[in-house]
Amino acid sequence: SASVFPCQKPKSELVRTSLRLLTSSAYRLQSECRKALPAEPSPAPDIQLVTQQVIQCAYDIAKAAKQLVTITTKENNN
């Protein structure tokens, strides 16, 4: 979020909520992707479950990004 709003803490609670969702979803996505490539000799992951989690993370990232675009567009037009 620092690179998106480098000079100030976002005032809007909606922006802060969207940034938290974006950040947490990105960390979850990274974690889920690591599970898909386990280090030996750990057991093979449940690829179907990992795939579902990756899809959910990607959806949450897209949702947060859309929220940010919508909010900032409205704020800039006011």
Protein backbone atom coordinates (compact mmCIF):
# COMPACT_ATOMS: atom_id res chain seq x y z
CA SER A 1 0.00 0.00 0.00
CA ALA A 2 2.96 2.33 0.48
CA SER A 3 3.62 2.48 -3.25
CA VAL A 4 -0.05 3.14 -4.03
CA PHE A 5 -0.34 5.95 -1.49
CA PRO A 6 3.28 7.02 -0.87
CA CYS A 7 2.69 10.37 0.82
CA GLN A 8 -0.23 9.71 3.09
CA LYS A 9 -2.22 7.12 4.93
CA PRO A 10 -5.48 6.60 3.03
CA LYS A 11 -8.27 8.50 4.78
CA SER A 12 -11.08 6.39 3.40
CA GLU A 13 -11.95 3.28 5.41
CA LEU A 14 -13.07 1.65 2.15
CA VAL A 15 -9.60 2.23 0.68
CA ARG A 16 -7.90 0.82 3.77
CA THR A 17 -10.19 -2.22 3.72
CA SER A 18 -9.51 -2.81 0.02
CA LEU A 19 -5.76 -2.46 0.54
CA ARG A 20 -5.86 -4.95 3.42
CA LEU A 21 -7.78 -7.44 1.26
CA LEU A 22 -5.34 -6.93 -1.61
CA THR A 23 -2.30 -7.41 0.60
CA SER A 24 -3.62 -10.41 2.53
CA SER A 25 -4.82 -12.10 -0.66
CA ALA A 26 -1.43 -11.59 -2.31
CA TYR A 27 0.32 -13.21 0.67
CA ARG A 28 -2.17 -16.09 0.60
CA LEU A 29 -1.63 -16.53 -3.13
CA GLN A 30 2.12 -16.72 -2.63
CA SER A 31 1.67 -19.30 0.13
CA GLU A 32 -0.71 -21.43 -1.93
CA CYS A 33 1.62 -21.37 -4.93
CA ARG A 34 4.49 -22.55 -2.73
CA LYS A 35 2.34 -25.51 -1.64
CA ALA A 36 2.03 -26.55 -5.28
CA LEU A 37 5.80 -26.95 -5.49
CA PRO A 38 6.69 -28.74 -2.24
CA ALA A 39 10.28 -29.42 -1.29
CA GLU A 40 11.30 -33.04 -1.19
CA PRO A 41 10.53 -35.34 0.62
CA SER A 42 7.24 -33.79 1.75
CA PRO A 43 4.06 -35.51 0.58
CA ALA A 44 2.47 -34.37 -2.65
CA PRO A 45 -0.08 -31.62 -2.14
CA ASP A 46 -3.76 -31.98 -2.93
CA ILE A 47 -3.51 -30.17 -6.26
CA GLN A 48 -7.28 -29.77 -6.59
CA LEU A 49 -7.46 -28.05 -3.19
CA VAL A 50 -4.43 -25.86 -3.92
CA THR A 51 -5.93 -24.91 -7.29
CA GLN A 52 -9.21 -23.92 -5.64
CA GLN A 53 -7.32 -21.80 -3.10
CA VAL A 54 -5.27 -20.10 -5.83
CA ILE A 55 -8.46 -19.31 -7.76
CA GLN A 56 -10.05 -17.85 -4.60
CA CYS A 57 -6.96 -15.72 -3.90
CA ALA A 58 -6.90 -14.45 -7.48
CA TYR A 59 -10.60 -13.59 -7.22
CA ASP A 60 -10.01 -11.70 -3.95
CA ILE A 61 -7.11 -9.77 -5.52
CA ALA A 62 -9.26 -8.82 -8.51
CA LYS A 63 -12.13 -7.82 -6.21
CA ALA A 64 -9.87 -5.59 -4.10
CA ALA A 65 -8.31 -4.01 -7.19
CA LYS A 66 -11.76 -3.27 -8.62
CA GLN A 67 -12.84 -1.71 -5.33
CA LEU A 68 -9.76 0.52 -5.33
CA VAL A 69 -10.34 1.62 -8.92
CA THR A 70 -14.01 2.36 -8.20
CA ILE A 71 -13.23 4.30 -5.01
CA THR A 72 -10.37 6.33 -6.44
CA THR A 73 -12.32 7.11 -9.62
CA LYS A 74 -15.24 8.42 -7.54
CA GLU A 75 -12.89 10.44 -5.31
CA ASN A 76 -11.09 11.96 -8.29
CA ASN A 77 -14.38 12.91 -9.95
CA ASN A 78 -15.60 14.77 -6.85
